């Protein structure tokens, strides 16, 4: 699926990026090649392959990356807000988005 300059413009608008005409022309073939590569990956038959939950050791043995949940004391509201630039009534005040 080739990516057009119009697609790049739409992506730039969604990402709130300002691109020059030259950048749009340069990005279209680059992103097209990325999409083509991902399409190749989608063609790989992964039936019967279990999802990986962790990595491998240097010896090639599987390592377990999951751990049991443990209740631990939290930072606490006062300590968390101590370094906040503009705390308000026990909450973090952030700028409006809309």
C-alpha atoms as a PDB file:
ATOM      1  CA  UNK A   1       0.000   0.000   0.000  1.00  0.00           C
ATOM      2  CA  UNK A   2       1.808   3.123  -1.149  1.00  0.00           C
ATOM      3  CA  UNK A   3       1.666   6.112   1.173  1.00  0.00           C
ATOM      4  CA  UNK A   4       0.839   9.382  -0.533  1.00  0.00           C
ATOM      5  CA  UNK A   5       1.805  12.916   0.389  1.00  0.00           C
ATOM      6  CA  UNK A   6      -1.844  13.430   1.393  1.00  0.00           C
ATOM      7  CA  UNK A   7      -1.473  10.533   3.867  1.00  0.00           C
ATOM      8  CA  UNK A   8       1.698  12.146   5.228  1.00  0.00           C
ATOM      9  CA  UNK A   9      -0.123  15.459   5.613  1.00  0.00           C
ATOM     10  CA  UNK A  10      -2.943  13.745   7.535  1.00  0.00           C
ATOM     11  CA  UNK A  11      -0.446  11.953   9.806  1.00  0.00           C
ATOM     12  CA  UNK A  12       1.425  15.200  10.383  1.00  0.00           C
ATOM     13  CA  UNK A  13      -1.799  16.986  11.290  1.00  0.00           C
ATOM     14  CA  UNK A  14      -2.765  14.189  13.728  1.00  0.00           C
ATOM     15  CA  UNK A  15       0.714  14.289  15.288  1.00  0.00           C
ATOM     16  CA  UNK A  16       0.657  18.098  15.316  1.00  0.00           C
ATOM     17  CA  UNK A  17       3.802  18.290  13.190  1.00  0.00           C
ATOM     18  CA  UNK A  18       4.604  21.029  10.737  1.00  0.00           C
ATOM     19  CA  UNK A  19       6.290  19.543   7.671  1.00  0.00           C
ATOM     20  CA  UNK A  20       7.697  21.311   4.666  1.00  0.00           C
ATOM     21  CA  UNK A  21       6.803  20.136   1.159  1.00  0.00           C
ATOM     22  CA  UNK A  22      10.291  18.670   0.887  1.00  0.00           C
ATOM     23  CA  UNK A  23       9.844  16.700   4.130  1.00  0.00           C
ATOM     24  CA  UNK A  24       6.455  15.359   2.969  1.00  0.00           C
ATOM     25  CA  UNK A  25       7.978  14.221  -0.340  1.00  0.00           C
ATOM     26  CA  UNK A  26      10.875  12.537   1.486  1.00  0.00           C
ATOM     27  CA  UNK A  27       8.697  10.817   4.098  1.00  0.00           C
ATOM     28  CA  UNK A  28       6.178   9.254   1.712  1.00  0.00           C
ATOM     29  CA  UNK A  29       8.553   6.628   0.228  1.00  0.00           C
ATOM     30  CA  UNK A  30      10.201   6.006   3.617  1.00  0.00           C
ATOM     31  CA  UNK A  31       6.922   5.269   5.363  1.00  0.00           C
ATOM     32  CA  UNK A  32       5.750   3.227   2.364  1.00  0.00           C
ATOM     33  CA  UNK A  33       8.799   0.974   2.733  1.00  0.00           C
ATOM     34  CA  UNK A  34       8.088   0.545   6.464  1.00  0.00           C
ATOM     35  CA  UNK A  35       4.475  -0.440   5.726  1.00  0.00           C
ATOM     36  CA  UNK A  36       5.656  -2.912   3.058  1.00  0.00           C
ATOM     37  CA  UNK A  37       8.009  -4.506   5.595  1.00  0.00           C
ATOM     38  CA  UNK A  38       5.239  -4.835   8.191  1.00  0.00           C
ATOM     39  CA  UNK A  39       3.029  -6.431   5.537  1.00  0.00           C
ATOM     40  CA  UNK A  40       5.796  -8.997   4.965  1.00  0.00           C
ATOM     41  CA  UNK A  41       5.832  -9.744   8.691  1.00  0.00           C
ATOM     42  CA  UNK A  42       2.058 -10.281   8.613  1.00  0.00           C
ATOM     43  CA  UNK A  43       2.571 -13.069   6.048  1.00  0.00           C
ATOM     44  CA  UNK A  44       4.592 -15.185   8.494  1.00  0.00           C
ATOM     45  CA  UNK A  45       2.679 -18.221   9.772  1.00  0.00           C
ATOM     46  CA  UNK A  46       2.688 -17.996  13.567  1.00  0.00           C
ATOM     47  CA  UNK A  47       0.090 -20.708  14.219  1.00  0.00           C
ATOM     48  CA  UNK A  48       1.251 -23.043  16.957  1.00  0.00           C
ATOM     49  CA  UNK A  49       3.832 -20.593  18.327  1.00  0.00           C
ATOM     50  CA  UNK A  50       3.246 -19.609  21.929  1.00  0.00           C
ATOM     51  CA  UNK A  51       3.626 -15.943  22.844  1.00  0.00           C
ATOM     52  CA  UNK A  52       6.858 -15.119  24.641  1.00  0.00           C
ATOM     53  CA  UNK A  53       6.578 -13.837  28.178  1.00  0.00           C
ATOM     54  CA  UNK A  54      10.250 -13.134  28.657  1.00  0.00           C
ATOM     55  CA  UNK A  55      13.669 -13.229  27.190  1.00  0.00           C
ATOM     56  CA  UNK A  56      16.418 -15.786  26.931  1.00  0.00           C
ATOM     57  CA  UNK A  57      19.580 -16.097  28.968  1.00  0.00           C
ATOM     58  CA  UNK A  58      22.961 -16.082  27.286  1.00  0.00           C
ATOM     59  CA  UNK A  59      22.839 -19.883  27.388  1.00  0.00           C
ATOM     60  CA  UNK A  60      19.524 -19.848  25.510  1.00  0.00           C
ATOM     61  CA  UNK A  61      17.403 -20.879  28.463  1.00  0.00           C
ATOM     62  CA  UNK A  62      14.157 -19.111  29.140  1.00  0.00           C
ATOM     63  CA  UNK A  63      14.061 -16.633  32.003  1.00  0.00           C
ATOM     64  CA  UNK A  64      10.953 -15.838  33.960  1.00  0.00           C
ATOM     65  CA  UNK A  65      10.202 -12.135  34.080  1.00  0.00           C
ATOM     66  CA  UNK A  66       6.936 -12.308  35.986  1.00  0.00           C
ATOM     67  CA  UNK A  67       6.867 -11.887  39.727  1.00  0.00           C
ATOM     68  CA  UNK A  68       4.182 -12.209  42.372  1.00  0.00           C
ATOM     69  CA  UNK A  69       2.379  -9.025  43.346  1.00  0.00           C
ATOM     70  CA  UNK A  70       3.384  -7.772  46.748  1.00  0.00           C
ATOM     71  CA  UNK A  71       1.706  -5.064  48.776  1.00  0.00           C
ATOM     72  CA  UNK A  72       4.248  -2.390  49.655  1.00  0.00           C
ATOM     73  CA  UNK A  73       3.887   1.025  51.221  1.00  0.00           C
ATOM     74  CA  UNK A  74       3.248   3.742  48.666  1.00  0.00           C
ATOM     75  CA  UNK A  75       4.897   7.129  48.395  1.00  0.00           C
ATOM     76  CA  UNK A  76       1.912   8.859  49.941  1.00  0.00           C
ATOM     77  CA  UNK A  77      -0.070  11.850  48.728  1.00  0.00           C
ATOM     78  CA  UNK A  78       1.914  14.545  50.561  1.00  0.00           C
ATOM     79  CA  UNK A  79       5.287  13.235  49.407  1.00  0.00           C
ATOM     80  CA  UNK A  80       4.055  12.822  45.834  1.00  0.00           C
ATOM     81  CA  UNK A  81       2.767  16.407  45.722  1.00  0.00           C
ATOM     82  CA  UNK A  82       5.791  17.886  47.501  1.00  0.00           C
ATOM     83  CA  UNK A  83       7.668  18.476  44.231  1.00  0.00           C
ATOM     84  CA  UNK A  84       4.624  19.297  42.089  1.00  0.00           C
ATOM     85  CA  UNK A  85       4.886  22.732  40.468  1.00  0.00           C
ATOM     86  CA  UNK A  86       1.210  23.583  41.074  1.00  0.00           C
ATOM     87  CA  UNK A  87      -0.614  21.241  43.496  1.00  0.00           C
ATOM     88  CA  UNK A  88      -4.267  22.006  44.188  1.00  0.00           C
ATOM     89  CA  UNK A  89      -6.437  20.461  46.920  1.00  0.00           C
ATOM     90  CA  UNK A  90      -4.396  17.285  47.080  1.00  0.00           C
ATOM     91  CA  UNK A  91      -4.190  16.780  43.308  1.00  0.00           C
ATOM     92  CA  UNK A  92      -1.771  17.551  40.491  1.00  0.00           C
ATOM     93  CA  UNK A  93      -2.982  20.601  38.570  1.00  0.00           C
ATOM     94  CA  UNK A  94      -2.302  20.294  34.843  1.00  0.00           C
ATOM     95  CA  UNK A  95      -3.018  22.664  31.938  1.00  0.00           C
ATOM     96  CA  UNK A  96      -6.282  22.289  30.037  1.00  0.00           C
ATOM     97  CA  UNK A  97      -5.995  20.158  26.932  1.00  0.00           C
ATOM     98  CA  UNK A  98      -9.122  21.290  25.154  1.00  0.00           C
END
